[in-house]
Amino acid sequence: MEVEEPRGPDIPVTILTGFLGAGKTTLLNRILTENHNHRIAIIENEFGQENIDTELIVQSDKEQIISMNNGCVCCTIRGDLSRVLTDLRHKRDRGEIQFDYVVIETTGVANPGPVAQTFFMDDAVAAFYRLDGVVTVVDAKHGPQTLDEEAAARDQVGFADRILLSKCDLVTPEECEALEARLRQMNARAPIRRVDMGNCPVDVVLDITGFNMNDILEVDPAFFNEGHHHHHRDDIRTFYYESERPFDPAKLDRYIMSLTSVYGEDLLRYKGVLYMQGSDRRVVFQGVHMLAGADVMGPWGDAKPVSRMVFIGRNLPEDAIRRGLDTCLA
């Protein structure tokens, strides 16, 4: 009798976030109408002010499931996200609905952190769903004021794996460039792309592998050496750490545990490719708030071993964290 090996999570999930009016619903409609070879389950928050504008086939008030004419389904969160995801999977297993991808649209005033944490904390979810990435939409016209006034909007930028800049036609090129520079100061690891939401290529939203463990750190360290000045009191900032000396694994493990226990709520995203004493292989780690994971990757080969880490968070004591990491070096 053959024993079937357990499968890894096979349903990718994109978290789509952005402040009220940024263009998320327009982007969702774009995703739903383009031929992208996915059957998508859209999970919407019941506090949304706009509805997906598409022809409906069946609506079940009892289940809060809406089937759409393109094979996608939509449901409204009226409870715990993990329960909704589990219910959707059970319906799929029973053949009641079909989907191979999930897009979660958060409410415009929400911090996406708790949504992302669901995919790390809930074993029933993590066994079947794989977080592909967080995509944040920023309104070029109203974004600067929103970032000034709304902490949730700054959190949304900090969590992003990719930032889409909408409504660029409503501002001058100089205003757009200034906003992009501000966003890079806040989150230097997320690529920024100017888009027309009604014509946005779907591949900039889906299958971006923003949460994959890999040996590429998507931040340009030179950005931090160019003397960028910012004139905003943003509490979300990015800082970068690099060392050619290897880490002592036990010391670093203890330090990261203490760091996340003290600053976990303010550590939005962090990621690193690490050079560890006694190992010829890269170690990649990343985390959200207090939840961190690590994976051993391929050997350094001809590349010079070096640790590179990026932290994105709210009012983090950058100098103290740098000194703490220094104490973990072998």
Protein backbone atom coordinates (compact mmCIF):
# COMPACT_ATOMS: atom_id res chain seq x y z
CA MET A 1 0.00 0.00 0.00
CA GLU A 2 1.47 3.33 -1.04
CA VAL A 3 1.43 6.16 1.46
CA GLU A 4 0.60 9.45 -0.21
CA GLU A 5 2.94 12.27 0.75
CA PRO A 6 1.21 15.31 2.24
CA ARG A 7 0.88 18.17 -0.22
CA GLY A 8 1.98 21.69 0.50
CA PRO A 9 -0.43 24.61 0.36
CA ASP A 10 -1.63 24.90 -3.23
CA ILE A 11 -4.04 27.89 -3.19
CA PRO A 12 -2.23 31.23 -3.59
CA VAL A 13 -3.69 34.30 -1.87
CA THR A 14 -3.23 37.99 -2.63
CA ILE A 15 -4.15 40.61 -0.05
CA LEU A 16 -5.31 43.77 -1.80
CA THR A 17 -5.23 46.85 0.38
CA GLY A 18 -5.29 50.61 0.09
CA PHE A 19 -7.10 53.51 1.66
CA LEU A 20 -10.70 54.47 0.86
CA GLY A 21 -11.08 55.69 -2.70
CA ALA A 22 -7.62 54.59 -3.87
CA GLY A 23 -9.06 52.37 -6.61
CA LYS A 24 -9.15 48.83 -5.18
CA THR A 25 -12.63 48.06 -6.48
CA THR A 26 -11.77 49.31 -9.97
CA LEU A 27 -8.72 47.06 -9.89
CA LEU A 28 -10.82 44.09 -8.73
CA ASN A 29 -13.23 44.62 -11.60
CA ARG A 30 -10.25 44.64 -13.94
CA ILE A 31 -9.04 41.32 -12.50
CA LEU A 32 -12.50 39.77 -12.80
CA THR A 33 -13.00 40.74 -16.44
CA GLU A 34 -9.56 39.82 -17.84
CA ASN A 35 -8.76 36.36 -19.15
CA HIS A 36 -5.99 35.28 -16.78
CA ASN A 37 -6.65 31.51 -16.55
CA HIS A 38 -7.53 31.73 -12.86
CA ARG A 39 -10.79 31.00 -11.11
CA ILE A 40 -10.65 33.51 -8.31
CA ALA A 41 -12.49 33.62 -5.02
CA ILE A 42 -12.81 37.25 -3.93
CA ILE A 43 -13.24 37.78 -0.20
CA GLU A 44 -14.66 41.22 0.52
CA ASN A 45 -15.06 43.03 3.78
CA GLU A 46 -18.65 43.95 4.65
CA PHE A 47 -17.63 47.51 5.52
CA GLY A 48 -16.71 48.29 1.91
CA GLN A 49 -18.54 51.28 0.47
CA GLU A 50 -18.45 49.99 -3.09
CA ASN A 51 -19.56 46.71 -4.62
CA ILE A 52 -17.98 44.66 -7.36
CA ASP A 53 -19.68 45.69 -10.57
CA THR A 54 -20.20 42.46 -12.46
CA GLU A 55 -23.14 40.40 -13.65
CA LEU A 56 -24.24 37.89 -11.03
CA ILE A 57 -25.61 34.44 -11.66
CA VAL A 58 -26.48 33.12 -8.21
CA GLN A 59 -26.58 34.85 -4.86
CA SER A 60 -27.05 32.91 -1.64
CA ASP A 61 -27.90 35.18 1.27
CA LYS A 62 -27.50 32.30 3.67
CA GLU A 63 -23.93 31.48 2.69
CA GLN A 64 -22.90 35.00 1.60
CA ILE A 65 -21.47 33.40 -1.56
CA ILE A 66 -21.95 35.09 -4.92
CA SER A 67 -21.18 33.23 -8.15
CA MET A 68 -20.22 35.37 -11.11
CA ASN A 69 -20.54 34.93 -14.83
CA ASN A 70 -16.81 34.36 -15.36
CA GLY A 71 -16.49 31.40 -13.00
CA CYS A 72 -15.27 33.48 -10.07
CA VAL A 73 -16.97 33.58 -6.72
CA CYS A 74 -17.28 36.36 -4.18
CA CYS A 75 -18.09 36.23 -0.49
CA THR A 76 -18.45 38.79 2.26
CA ILE A 77 -16.61 38.45 5.55
CA ARG A 78 -19.09 38.46 8.39
CA GLY A 79 -16.87 36.64 10.82
CA ASP A 80 -13.45 35.14 11.28
CA LEU A 81 -11.27 35.03 8.15
CA SER A 82 -9.94 31.56 8.88
CA ARG A 83 -13.50 30.25 9.11
CA VAL A 84 -14.40 31.84 5.78
CA LEU A 85 -11.32 30.34 4.10
CA THR A 86 -12.05 26.92 5.56
CA ASP A 87 -15.70 27.10 4.45
CA LEU A 88 -14.64 28.04 0.92
CA ARG A 89 -12.22 25.11 0.78
CA HIS A 90 -14.85 22.66 1.99
CA LYS A 91 -17.30 23.90 -0.65
CA ARG A 92 -14.58 23.47 -3.27
CA ASP A 93 -13.84 19.93 -2.05
CA ARG A 94 -17.55 19.09 -2.34
CA GLY A 95 -17.67 20.48 -5.87
CA GLU A 96 -20.10 23.27 -4.97
CA ILE A 97 -17.76 26.02 -6.14
CA GLN A 98 -14.52 26.14 -8.13
CA PHE A 99 -11.53 28.38 -7.53
CA ASP A 100 -7.75 28.15 -7.64
CA TYR A 101 -6.81 31.62 -6.37
CA VAL A 102 -8.03 33.91 -3.58
CA VAL A 103 -7.96 37.71 -3.48
CA ILE A 104 -8.81 39.32 -0.14
CA GLU A 105 -9.87 42.96 -0.37
CA THR A 106 -9.40 44.58 3.02
CA THR A 107 -11.52 47.49 4.11
CA GLY A 108 -9.88 50.83 3.31
CA VAL A 109 -9.26 51.68 6.95
CA ALA A 110 -7.75 48.30 7.88
CA ASN A 111 -4.22 47.34 8.82
CA PRO A 112 -3.44 44.26 6.66
CA GLY A 113 -1.17 42.78 9.34
CA PRO A 114 -3.76 40.61 11.10
CA VAL A 115 -4.95 39.29 7.74
CA ALA A 116 -1.39 38.29 6.79
CA GLN A 117 -0.83 36.68 10.19
CA THR A 118 -3.75 34.31 9.61
CA PHE A 119 -1.61 32.43 7.08
CA PHE A 120 1.12 31.85 9.66
CA MET A 121 -0.89 31.28 12.82
CA ASP A 122 -3.77 29.09 11.68
CA ASP A 123 -2.62 25.57 10.81
CA ALA A 124 -5.90 24.72 9.07
CA VAL A 125 -5.39 27.70 6.75
CA ALA A 126 -1.63 27.34 6.26
CA ALA A 127 -2.00 23.71 5.16
CA PHE A 128 -4.01 24.71 2.09
CA TYR A 129 -3.46 28.43 1.43
CA ARG A 130 -0.17 30.14 0.54
CA LEU A 131 0.16 33.90 0.96
CA ASP A 132 1.48 35.19 -2.37
CA GLY A 133 1.79 38.85 -1.47
CA VAL A 134 0.33 42.11 -0.21
CA VAL A 135 -0.50 44.65 -2.94
CA THR A 136 -1.22 48.21 -1.77
CA VAL A 137 -2.95 50.84 -3.90
CA VAL A 138 -2.02 54.48 -3.21
CA ASP A 139 -3.97 57.41 -4.65
CA ALA A 140 -1.48 59.91 -6.13
CA LYS A 141 -3.95 62.78 -5.78
CA HIS A 142 -4.99 62.30 -2.16
CA GLY A 143 -2.23 59.95 -1.00
CA PRO A 144 0.08 62.55 0.56
CA GLN A 145 -2.68 63.98 2.78
CA THR A 146 -3.96 60.50 3.63
CA LEU A 147 -0.48 59.39 4.66
CA ASP A 148 -0.17 62.50 6.83
CA GLU A 149 -3.46 61.91 8.61
CA GLU A 150 -4.14 58.16 8.67
CA ALA A 151 -1.97 55.64 10.49
CA ALA A 152 -3.74 52.76 8.71
CA ALA A 153 -2.66 54.15 5.33
CA ARG A 154 0.97 54.21 6.51
CA ASP A 155 0.65 50.63 7.79
CA GLN A 156 -0.72 49.57 4.39
CA VAL A 157 2.40 50.98 2.71
CA GLY A 158 4.68 49.33 5.25
CA PHE A 159 3.19 45.88 4.66
CA ALA A 160 3.27 46.06 0.88
CA ASP A 161 5.16 43.67 -1.36
CA ARG A 162 4.14 45.87 -4.30
CA ILE A 163 2.75 49.42 -4.41
CA LEU A 164 0.44 50.53 -7.22
CA LEU A 165 0.17 54.28 -7.70
CA SER A 166 -3.25 55.28 -9.06
CA LYS A 167 -4.65 58.57 -10.44
CA CYS A 168 -1.23 59.83 -11.55
CA ASP A 169 -2.97 61.74 -14.35
CA LEU A 170 -4.49 64.05 -11.73
CA VAL A 171 -1.14 65.34 -10.43
CA THR A 172 2.02 66.81 -11.93
CA PRO A 173 5.04 64.58 -12.70
CA GLU A 174 6.92 66.36 -9.90
CA GLU A 175 4.19 65.58 -7.37
CA CYS A 176 4.18 61.95 -8.46
CA GLU A 177 7.97 61.68 -8.10
CA ALA A 178 7.85 63.28 -4.65
CA LEU A 179 5.23 60.79 -3.49
CA GLU A 180 7.25 57.87 -4.89
CA ALA A 181 10.33 59.07 -2.99
CA ARG A 182 8.28 59.26 0.20
CA LEU A 183 6.89 55.76 -0.31
CA ARG A 184 10.42 54.38 -0.88
CA GLN A 185 11.55 55.90 2.41
CA MET A 186 8.67 54.14 4.12
CA ASN A 187 9.04 50.80 2.31
CA ALA A 188 12.21 50.35 0.28
CA ARG A 189 11.58 46.69 -0.56
CA ALA A 190 8.29 47.13 -2.44
CA PRO A 191 8.52 48.01 -6.16
CA ILE A 192 6.33 50.99 -7.09
CA ARG A 193 4.36 50.99 -10.32
CA ARG A 194 2.19 53.74 -11.78
CA VAL A 195 -1.01 52.18 -13.09
CA ASP A 196 -4.37 52.99 -14.61
CA MET A 197 -6.58 50.74 -12.52
CA GLY A 198 -8.97 50.06 -15.39
CA ASN A 199 -6.11 48.80 -17.57
CA CYS A 200 -3.71 47.40 -14.96
CA PRO A 201 -1.97 44.19 -16.11
CA VAL A 202 -3.14 41.37 -13.88
CA ASP A 203 0.38 39.98 -13.54
CA VAL A 204 1.40 42.97 -11.40
CA VAL A 205 -1.18 41.86 -8.82
CA LEU A 206 -1.32 38.05 -8.99
CA ASP A 207 1.53 35.52 -8.68
CA ILE A 208 4.12 38.06 -7.47
CA THR A 209 5.63 35.62 -4.89
CA GLY A 210 6.15 38.44 -2.42
CA PHE A 211 6.09 36.07 0.55
CA ASN A 212 8.19 33.30 -0.98
CA MET A 213 11.31 32.25 0.84
CA ASN A 214 14.11 32.90 -1.64
CA ASP A 215 17.67 34.16 -1.61
CA ILE A 216 16.92 37.55 -3.20
CA LEU A 217 16.48 40.63 -1.05
CA GLU A 218 14.35 43.02 -3.11
CA VAL A 219 15.90 46.20 -1.74
CA ASP A 220 18.66 48.33 -3.25
CA PRO A 221 21.11 49.04 -0.42
CA ALA A 222 22.52 51.97 -2.38
CA PHE A 223 19.21 53.72 -1.80
CA PHE A 224 20.14 54.15 1.86
CA ASN A 225 23.53 55.64 1.05
CA GLU A 226 22.35 58.46 -1.18
CA GLY A 227 21.44 60.91 1.53
CA HIS A 228 17.70 60.96 0.84
CA HIS A 229 15.93 63.58 2.89
CA HIS A 230 12.30 63.42 3.84
CA HIS A 231 10.15 66.24 5.14
CA HIS A 232 7.34 64.14 6.54
CA ARG A 233 6.89 62.81 10.02
CA ASP A 234 6.14 59.32 8.82
CA ASP A 235 6.27 56.80 11.62
CA ILE A 236 6.78 53.97 9.09
CA ARG A 237 10.37 53.76 7.87
CA THR A 238 12.75 51.23 6.31
CA PHE A 239 16.28 50.61 7.46
CA TYR A 240 18.93 48.27 6.15
CA TYR A 241 21.63 46.25 7.94
CA GLU A 242 24.64 44.56 6.35
CA SER A 243 27.64 42.68 7.72
CA GLU A 244 30.43 40.59 6.23
CA ARG A 245 31.02 38.94 9.61
CA PRO A 246 28.93 35.82 10.22
CA PHE A 247 26.24 35.67 12.86
CA ASP A 248 26.44 33.39 15.87
CA PRO A 249 23.21 31.39 15.31
CA ALA A 250 22.29 31.01 18.99
CA LYS A 251 22.89 34.68 19.78
CA LEU A 252 20.91 35.86 16.76
CA ASP A 253 18.01 33.54 17.54
CA ARG A 254 17.77 34.87 21.09
CA TYR A 255 18.03 38.47 19.92
CA ILE A 256 15.32 38.13 17.25
CA MET A 257 13.04 36.53 19.84
CA SER A 258 13.58 39.41 22.25
CA LEU A 259 13.25 41.99 19.47
CA THR A 260 9.90 40.62 18.31
CA SER A 261 8.60 40.28 21.87
CA VAL A 262 9.30 43.97 22.56
CA TYR A 263 8.66 45.57 19.17
CA GLY A 264 6.54 42.93 17.44
CA GLU A 265 3.45 45.10 16.98
CA ASP A 266 5.57 47.81 15.36
CA LEU A 267 7.66 45.45 13.21
CA LEU A 268 5.53 45.32 10.08
CA ARG A 269 7.80 43.35 7.76
CA TYR A 270 11.37 42.18 8.05
CA LYS A 271 13.48 39.95 5.86
CA GLY A 272 17.09 38.87 5.55
CA VAL A 273 19.63 36.72 3.77
CA LEU A 274 22.01 35.61 6.53
CA TYR A 275 25.63 34.47 6.72
CA MET A 276 25.79 32.05 9.66
CA GLN A 277 28.92 30.83 11.41
CA GLY A 278 29.70 27.20 10.64
CA SER A 279 27.50 26.99 7.53
CA ASP A 280 28.28 27.39 3.84
CA ARG A 281 24.61 27.89 2.96
CA ARG A 282 22.41 30.97 2.87
CA VAL A 283 19.73 31.26 5.50
CA VAL A 284 16.67 33.29 4.53
CA PHE A 285 14.30 34.60 7.16
CA GLN A 286 11.28 36.86 7.12
CA GLY A 287 8.56 37.87 9.49
CA VAL A 288 5.33 39.74 10.10
CA HIS A 289 4.94 41.33 13.52
CA MET A 290 5.91 38.66 16.09
CA LEU A 291 5.85 35.72 13.67
CA ALA A 292 9.14 34.88 11.95
CA GLY A 293 10.29 31.93 9.89
CA ALA A 294 13.61 30.82 8.40
CA ASP A 295 14.72 28.44 5.67
CA VAL A 296 18.11 27.10 4.60
CA MET A 297 18.77 27.83 0.93
CA GLY A 298 21.57 26.99 -1.50
CA PRO A 299 25.30 27.39 -0.88
CA TRP A 300 27.05 30.74 -1.28
CA GLY A 301 29.13 29.30 -4.12
CA ASP A 302 31.33 31.95 -5.71
CA ALA A 303 29.41 34.80 -4.03
CA LYS A 304 31.02 36.48 -1.05
CA PRO A 305 29.06 35.57 2.10
CA VAL A 306 27.36 38.62 3.58
CA SER A 307 24.29 39.17 5.77
CA ARG A 308 21.73 41.64 4.48
CA MET A 309 18.60 42.50 6.43
CA VAL A 310 15.78 44.99 5.92
CA PHE A 311 13.32 46.12 8.58
CA ILE A 312 10.09 48.04 7.94
CA GLY A 313 8.28 49.30 10.99
CA ARG A 314 6.72 52.00 13.09
CA ASN A 315 8.99 54.23 15.19
CA LEU A 316 11.66 51.53 15.48
CA PRO A 317 14.87 52.39 17.42
CA GLU A 318 17.14 51.90 14.44
CA ASP A 319 20.46 52.59 16.19
CA ALA A 320 19.63 50.30 19.10
CA ILE A 321 18.60 47.47 16.77
CA ARG A 322 21.83 47.87 14.79
CA ARG A 323 23.87 47.65 18.01
CA GLY A 324 21.87 44.61 19.07
CA LEU A 325 22.56 42.85 15.79
CA ASP A 326 26.26 43.74 16.09
CA THR A 327 26.39 41.90 19.42
CA CYS A 328 25.17 38.74 17.64
CA LEU A 329 28.11 38.62 15.23
CA ALA A 330 30.64 35.84 15.73
